Amino acid sequence: MDSLEYELTFDEYHDEAHKTNVCPSDAPPGFLPVYETMGLAGEAGEALEKVKKGWRDGEFDLKGYLKELGDTLWYLDAAAHKVGYTLETIAQMNIEKLHSRHERGVIHGAGDER
C-alpha cells in the first residue's frame, strides 16, 4: 500500500469529505439519513463483494477492498453528520459500549441491549 503523507482525525476527515458531498439536501439537518444509509449499505456490499471474489478466485484485491471501505467511511460520516453527530463522538460511544460489555462479561451474545 502507498504510504500516507499524514494521518487525519475523524474531524479533519469530515471537513475534507464534506466538500465532496452531493447528497440530496431537501431534508433539514437531523432528519432521517435515508440517502446516506442507502449509500452506506451499498458501499458495504461492494466491500463484501471484494471479499467474496477474493475467496472464490483465491486472489484478494486489497487495494480495491480498501477503496470500498473508504467509500463506506464517506457515507458513514455523511449519515452521522445528517443526524448531528461526528465520527469521533460515535467512536467514543462505541468504545464505551464495548468496554461496558467486556467488563460485564457480555461481549459475546446477541442483542443491542446487553
N, C-alpha and C. Protein backbone atom coordinates (compact mmCIF):
# COMPACT_ATOMS: atom_id res chain seq x y z
N MET A 1 0.85 -1.18 0.00
CA MET A 1 0.00 0.00 0.00
C MET A 1 0.88 1.23 0.00
N ASP A 2 0.43 2.27 -0.64
CA ASP A 2 1.17 3.52 -0.69
C ASP A 2 1.22 4.13 0.70
N SER A 3 2.34 4.79 1.01
CA SER A 3 2.43 5.44 2.31
C SER A 3 1.60 6.73 2.30
N LEU A 4 1.10 7.09 3.45
CA LEU A 4 0.28 8.27 3.58
C LEU A 4 1.14 9.45 4.02
N GLU A 5 0.78 10.65 3.58
CA GLU A 5 1.53 11.83 3.95
C GLU A 5 1.38 12.14 5.44
N TYR A 6 0.19 12.01 5.95
CA TYR A 6 -0.09 12.27 7.36
C TYR A 6 -1.39 11.59 7.73
N GLU A 7 -1.64 11.47 9.01
CA GLU A 7 -2.88 10.86 9.48
C GLU A 7 -3.91 11.94 9.75
N LEU A 8 -5.16 11.62 9.46
CA LEU A 8 -6.27 12.52 9.70
C LEU A 8 -7.02 12.12 10.95
N THR A 9 -7.53 13.10 11.66
CA THR A 9 -8.52 12.79 12.69
C THR A 9 -9.86 12.63 11.97
N PHE A 10 -10.85 12.08 12.65
CA PHE A 10 -12.17 11.98 12.05
C PHE A 10 -12.72 13.36 11.71
N ASP A 11 -12.47 14.35 12.57
CA ASP A 11 -12.98 15.69 12.30
C ASP A 11 -12.33 16.28 11.06
N GLU A 12 -11.03 16.08 10.89
CA GLU A 12 -10.35 16.55 9.68
C GLU A 12 -10.89 15.81 8.45
N TYR A 13 -11.12 14.51 8.60
CA TYR A 13 -11.70 13.73 7.51
C TYR A 13 -13.04 14.32 7.10
N HIS A 14 -13.89 14.60 8.08
CA HIS A 14 -15.21 15.15 7.79
C HIS A 14 -15.10 16.46 7.02
N ASP A 15 -14.22 17.34 7.46
CA ASP A 15 -14.08 18.63 6.78
C ASP A 15 -13.73 18.46 5.31
N GLU A 16 -12.84 17.53 5.01
CA GLU A 16 -12.45 17.28 3.62
C GLU A 16 -13.53 16.52 2.85
N ALA A 17 -14.09 15.48 3.46
CA ALA A 17 -15.10 14.66 2.79
C ALA A 17 -16.36 15.47 2.50
N HIS A 18 -16.73 16.34 3.44
CA HIS A 18 -17.96 17.11 3.28
C HIS A 18 -17.91 18.02 2.05
N LYS A 19 -16.72 18.40 1.64
CA LYS A 19 -16.56 19.25 0.45
C LYS A 19 -17.05 18.52 -0.80
N THR A 20 -17.08 17.19 -0.77
CA THR A 20 -17.49 16.41 -1.93
C THR A 20 -18.91 15.88 -1.81
N ASN A 21 -19.64 16.30 -0.78
CA ASN A 21 -20.98 15.78 -0.52
C ASN A 21 -21.99 16.36 -1.51
N VAL A 22 -22.57 15.49 -2.31
CA VAL A 22 -23.62 15.90 -3.24
C VAL A 22 -24.93 15.18 -2.91
N CYS A 23 -25.06 14.73 -1.66
CA CYS A 23 -26.30 14.07 -1.24
C CYS A 23 -27.45 15.06 -1.36
N PRO A 24 -28.64 14.57 -1.68
CA PRO A 24 -29.80 15.47 -1.74
C PRO A 24 -29.95 16.25 -0.45
N SER A 25 -30.21 17.52 -0.57
CA SER A 25 -30.26 18.37 0.62
C SER A 25 -31.68 18.86 0.89
N ASP A 26 -32.69 18.11 0.45
CA ASP A 26 -34.06 18.55 0.65
C ASP A 26 -34.59 18.29 2.06
N ALA A 27 -33.81 17.54 2.87
CA ALA A 27 -34.22 17.29 4.25
C ALA A 27 -33.35 18.14 5.18
N PRO A 28 -33.92 18.69 6.23
CA PRO A 28 -33.14 19.50 7.15
C PRO A 28 -32.15 18.66 7.95
N PRO A 29 -31.08 19.28 8.47
CA PRO A 29 -30.14 18.53 9.34
C PRO A 29 -30.91 17.87 10.48
N GLY A 30 -30.52 16.68 10.83
CA GLY A 30 -31.20 15.95 11.90
C GLY A 30 -32.34 15.08 11.40
N PHE A 31 -32.73 15.24 10.12
CA PHE A 31 -33.77 14.41 9.54
C PHE A 31 -33.20 13.04 9.25
N LEU A 32 -34.07 12.05 9.07
CA LEU A 32 -33.62 10.69 8.79
C LEU A 32 -32.60 10.65 7.65
N PRO A 33 -31.47 10.00 7.85
CA PRO A 33 -30.42 9.95 6.83
C PRO A 33 -30.67 8.82 5.82
N VAL A 34 -31.78 8.91 5.09
CA VAL A 34 -32.18 7.83 4.18
C VAL A 34 -31.16 7.64 3.07
N TYR A 35 -30.85 8.69 2.33
CA TYR A 35 -29.91 8.59 1.20
C TYR A 35 -28.55 8.10 1.68
N GLU A 36 -28.08 8.66 2.78
CA GLU A 36 -26.76 8.31 3.30
C GLU A 36 -26.70 6.86 3.75
N THR A 37 -27.76 6.37 4.39
CA THR A 37 -27.78 4.99 4.87
C THR A 37 -27.88 4.01 3.70
N MET A 38 -28.61 4.37 2.66
CA MET A 38 -28.65 3.52 1.47
C MET A 38 -27.26 3.45 0.84
N GLY A 39 -26.56 4.58 0.77
CA GLY A 39 -25.20 4.58 0.23
C GLY A 39 -24.26 3.76 1.09
N LEU A 40 -24.40 3.86 2.40
CA LEU A 40 -23.57 3.09 3.33
C LEU A 40 -23.76 1.59 3.10
N ALA A 41 -25.01 1.17 2.99
CA ALA A 41 -25.28 -0.25 2.76
C ALA A 41 -24.73 -0.70 1.41
N GLY A 42 -24.88 0.13 0.40
CA GLY A 42 -24.38 -0.22 -0.92
C GLY A 42 -22.87 -0.37 -0.95
N GLU A 43 -22.17 0.56 -0.33
CA GLU A 43 -20.71 0.50 -0.32
C GLU A 43 -20.21 -0.66 0.54
N ALA A 44 -20.89 -0.94 1.66
CA ALA A 44 -20.52 -2.11 2.47
C ALA A 44 -20.71 -3.38 1.65
N GLY A 45 -21.76 -3.41 0.84
CA GLY A 45 -21.99 -4.55 -0.04
C GLY A 45 -20.89 -4.69 -1.08
N GLU A 46 -20.39 -3.57 -1.59
CA GLU A 46 -19.29 -3.63 -2.56
C GLU A 46 -18.01 -4.14 -1.89
N ALA A 47 -17.77 -3.77 -0.63
CA ALA A 47 -16.61 -4.30 0.10
C ALA A 47 -16.76 -5.81 0.28
N LEU A 48 -17.96 -6.25 0.62
CA LEU A 48 -18.23 -7.68 0.77
C LEU A 48 -18.02 -8.41 -0.56
N GLU A 49 -18.39 -7.78 -1.64
CA GLU A 49 -18.20 -8.37 -2.97
C GLU A 49 -16.72 -8.61 -3.25
N LYS A 50 -15.84 -7.68 -2.82
CA LYS A 50 -14.40 -7.86 -2.99
C LYS A 50 -13.92 -9.08 -2.21
N VAL A 51 -14.45 -9.27 -1.01
CA VAL A 51 -14.08 -10.43 -0.19
C VAL A 51 -14.58 -11.71 -0.85
N LYS A 52 -15.83 -11.70 -1.32
CA LYS A 52 -16.39 -12.89 -1.98
C LYS A 52 -15.56 -13.29 -3.19
N LYS A 53 -15.22 -12.32 -4.03
CA LYS A 53 -14.45 -12.63 -5.23
C LYS A 53 -13.04 -13.10 -4.88
N GLY A 54 -12.46 -12.53 -3.83
CA GLY A 54 -11.15 -12.98 -3.39
C GLY A 54 -11.18 -14.41 -2.90
N TRP A 55 -12.22 -14.75 -2.18
CA TRP A 55 -12.38 -16.11 -1.67
C TRP A 55 -12.58 -17.08 -2.84
N ARG A 56 -13.44 -16.68 -3.77
CA ARG A 56 -13.74 -17.53 -4.92
C ARG A 56 -12.52 -17.72 -5.82
N ASP A 57 -11.81 -16.62 -6.09
CA ASP A 57 -10.72 -16.64 -7.06
C ASP A 57 -9.35 -16.95 -6.45
N GLY A 58 -9.27 -16.92 -5.13
CA GLY A 58 -8.00 -17.18 -4.47
C GLY A 58 -7.01 -16.03 -4.57
N GLU A 59 -7.51 -14.86 -4.95
CA GLU A 59 -6.65 -13.68 -5.06
C GLU A 59 -7.43 -12.47 -4.57
N PHE A 60 -6.99 -11.89 -3.46
CA PHE A 60 -7.71 -10.80 -2.80
C PHE A 60 -7.23 -9.45 -3.32
N ASP A 61 -8.15 -8.61 -3.77
CA ASP A 61 -7.85 -7.26 -4.25
C ASP A 61 -7.86 -6.30 -3.07
N LEU A 62 -6.74 -6.25 -2.34
CA LEU A 62 -6.67 -5.42 -1.14
C LEU A 62 -6.89 -3.96 -1.45
N LYS A 63 -6.28 -3.46 -2.50
CA LYS A 63 -6.43 -2.04 -2.84
C LYS A 63 -7.89 -1.71 -3.16
N GLY A 64 -8.55 -2.56 -3.94
CA GLY A 64 -9.96 -2.34 -4.24
C GLY A 64 -10.83 -2.41 -3.00
N TYR A 65 -10.50 -3.36 -2.12
CA TYR A 65 -11.24 -3.51 -0.86
C TYR A 65 -11.10 -2.25 0.00
N LEU A 66 -9.88 -1.74 0.10
CA LEU A 66 -9.66 -0.53 0.90
C LEU A 66 -10.39 0.67 0.32
N LYS A 67 -10.46 0.74 -1.01
CA LYS A 67 -11.22 1.83 -1.64
C LYS A 67 -12.69 1.73 -1.27
N GLU A 68 -13.23 0.52 -1.25
CA GLU A 68 -14.64 0.36 -0.87
C GLU A 68 -14.85 0.69 0.60
N LEU A 69 -13.90 0.34 1.46
CA LEU A 69 -14.01 0.73 2.87
C LEU A 69 -13.99 2.25 3.00
N GLY A 70 -13.18 2.91 2.18
CA GLY A 70 -13.15 4.37 2.18
C GLY A 70 -14.48 4.96 1.78
N ASP A 71 -15.11 4.38 0.74
CA ASP A 71 -16.43 4.85 0.33
C ASP A 71 -17.45 4.61 1.44
N THR A 72 -17.33 3.48 2.14
CA THR A 72 -18.21 3.19 3.26
C THR A 72 -18.03 4.24 4.36
N LEU A 73 -16.77 4.59 4.63
CA LEU A 73 -16.48 5.62 5.63
C LEU A 73 -17.11 6.95 5.23
N TRP A 74 -17.05 7.28 3.94
CA TRP A 74 -17.63 8.53 3.46
C TRP A 74 -19.12 8.60 3.80
N TYR A 75 -19.85 7.52 3.47
CA TYR A 75 -21.29 7.50 3.75
C TYR A 75 -21.58 7.45 5.24
N LEU A 76 -20.74 6.75 6.01
CA LEU A 76 -20.92 6.72 7.46
C LEU A 76 -20.78 8.13 8.04
N ASP A 77 -19.78 8.87 7.58
CA ASP A 77 -19.59 10.24 8.02
C ASP A 77 -20.78 11.11 7.62
N ALA A 78 -21.26 10.95 6.39
CA ALA A 78 -22.41 11.74 5.93
C ALA A 78 -23.66 11.43 6.75
N ALA A 79 -23.87 10.15 7.07
CA ALA A 79 -25.04 9.77 7.87
C ALA A 79 -24.94 10.34 9.28
N ALA A 80 -23.76 10.25 9.87
CA ALA A 80 -23.57 10.80 11.21
C ALA A 80 -23.81 12.31 11.22
N HIS A 81 -23.26 12.98 10.23
CA HIS A 81 -23.42 14.44 10.14
C HIS A 81 -24.89 14.82 9.97
N LYS A 82 -25.64 14.03 9.19
CA LYS A 82 -27.04 14.33 8.94
C LYS A 82 -27.84 14.35 10.24
N VAL A 83 -27.46 13.51 11.22
CA VAL A 83 -28.20 13.47 12.48
C VAL A 83 -27.49 14.26 13.58
N GLY A 84 -26.47 15.05 13.20
CA GLY A 84 -25.86 15.96 14.15
C GLY A 84 -24.73 15.40 14.99
N TYR A 85 -24.10 14.32 14.55
CA TYR A 85 -23.01 13.72 15.30
C TYR A 85 -21.75 13.66 14.45
N THR A 86 -20.61 13.52 15.12
CA THR A 86 -19.34 13.35 14.43
C THR A 86 -18.89 11.90 14.58
N LEU A 87 -18.00 11.49 13.68
CA LEU A 87 -17.44 10.14 13.80
C LEU A 87 -16.66 9.99 15.10
N GLU A 88 -16.01 11.06 15.55
CA GLU A 88 -15.27 10.98 16.82
C GLU A 88 -16.22 10.69 17.97
N THR A 89 -17.38 11.33 18.00
CA THR A 89 -18.36 11.08 19.06
C THR A 89 -18.90 9.66 18.97
N ILE A 90 -19.22 9.21 17.77
CA ILE A 90 -19.73 7.85 17.59
C ILE A 90 -18.68 6.82 17.99
N ALA A 91 -17.41 7.07 17.62
CA ALA A 91 -16.33 6.15 18.00
C ALA A 91 -16.22 6.07 19.53
N GLN A 92 -16.31 7.22 20.20
CA GLN A 92 -16.23 7.24 21.67
C GLN A 92 -17.41 6.48 22.28
N MET A 93 -18.61 6.71 21.76
CA MET A 93 -19.79 6.00 22.25
C MET A 93 -19.62 4.49 22.09
N ASN A 94 -19.07 4.07 20.95
CA ASN A 94 -18.90 2.65 20.68
C ASN A 94 -17.88 2.03 21.63
N ILE A 95 -16.77 2.72 21.88
CA ILE A 95 -15.76 2.21 22.80
C ILE A 95 -16.34 2.07 24.20
N GLU A 96 -17.11 3.06 24.63
CA GLU A 96 -17.74 2.99 25.96
C GLU A 96 -18.67 1.78 26.03
N LYS A 97 -19.46 1.54 24.98
CA LYS A 97 -20.36 0.38 24.95
C LYS A 97 -19.57 -0.92 25.01
N LEU A 98 -18.51 -1.01 24.21
CA LEU A 98 -17.71 -2.24 24.20
C LEU A 98 -17.02 -2.48 25.53
N HIS A 99 -16.48 -1.44 26.14
CA HIS A 99 -15.84 -1.59 27.45
C HIS A 99 -16.84 -2.06 28.48
N SER A 100 -18.05 -1.49 28.45
CA SER A 100 -19.09 -1.89 29.39
C SER A 100 -19.45 -3.37 29.21
N ARG A 101 -19.62 -3.79 27.97
CA ARG A 101 -19.94 -5.19 27.72
C ARG A 101 -18.81 -6.11 28.17
N HIS A 102 -17.59 -5.69 27.90
CA HIS A 102 -16.43 -6.50 28.29
C HIS A 102 -16.35 -6.63 29.81
N GLU A 103 -16.52 -5.51 30.51
CA GLU A 103 -16.46 -5.51 31.97
C GLU A 103 -17.57 -6.36 32.58
N ARG A 104 -18.74 -6.39 31.95
CA ARG A 104 -19.87 -7.17 32.47
C ARG A 104 -19.87 -8.60 31.95
N GLY A 105 -18.90 -8.94 31.11
CA GLY A 105 -18.79 -10.31 30.60
C GLY A 105 -19.85 -10.66 29.58
N VAL A 106 -20.36 -9.66 28.85
CA VAL A 106 -21.40 -9.94 27.85
C VAL A 106 -20.96 -9.50 26.45
N ILE A 107 -19.66 -9.55 26.20
CA ILE A 107 -19.16 -9.15 24.88
C ILE A 107 -19.67 -10.11 23.80
N HIS A 108 -19.87 -11.38 24.17
CA HIS A 108 -20.45 -12.36 23.24
C HIS A 108 -21.96 -12.38 23.46
N GLY A 109 -22.67 -12.77 22.46
CA GLY A 109 -24.11 -12.88 22.62
C GLY A 109 -24.84 -12.07 21.58
N ALA A 110 -26.13 -11.96 21.74
CA ALA A 110 -26.96 -11.28 20.77
C ALA A 110 -27.75 -10.17 21.44
N GLY A 111 -28.14 -9.22 20.64
CA GLY A 111 -28.99 -8.15 21.13
C GLY A 111 -28.23 -6.87 21.35
N ASP A 112 -28.90 -5.76 21.12
CA ASP A 112 -28.28 -4.45 21.27
C ASP A 112 -28.12 -4.06 22.74
N GLU A 113 -29.07 -4.46 23.57
CA GLU A 113 -29.08 -4.03 24.97
C GLU A 113 -28.56 -5.13 25.88
N ARG A 114 -27.24 -5.35 25.87
CA ARG A 114 -26.69 -6.35 26.78
C ARG A 114 -25.66 -5.72 27.68
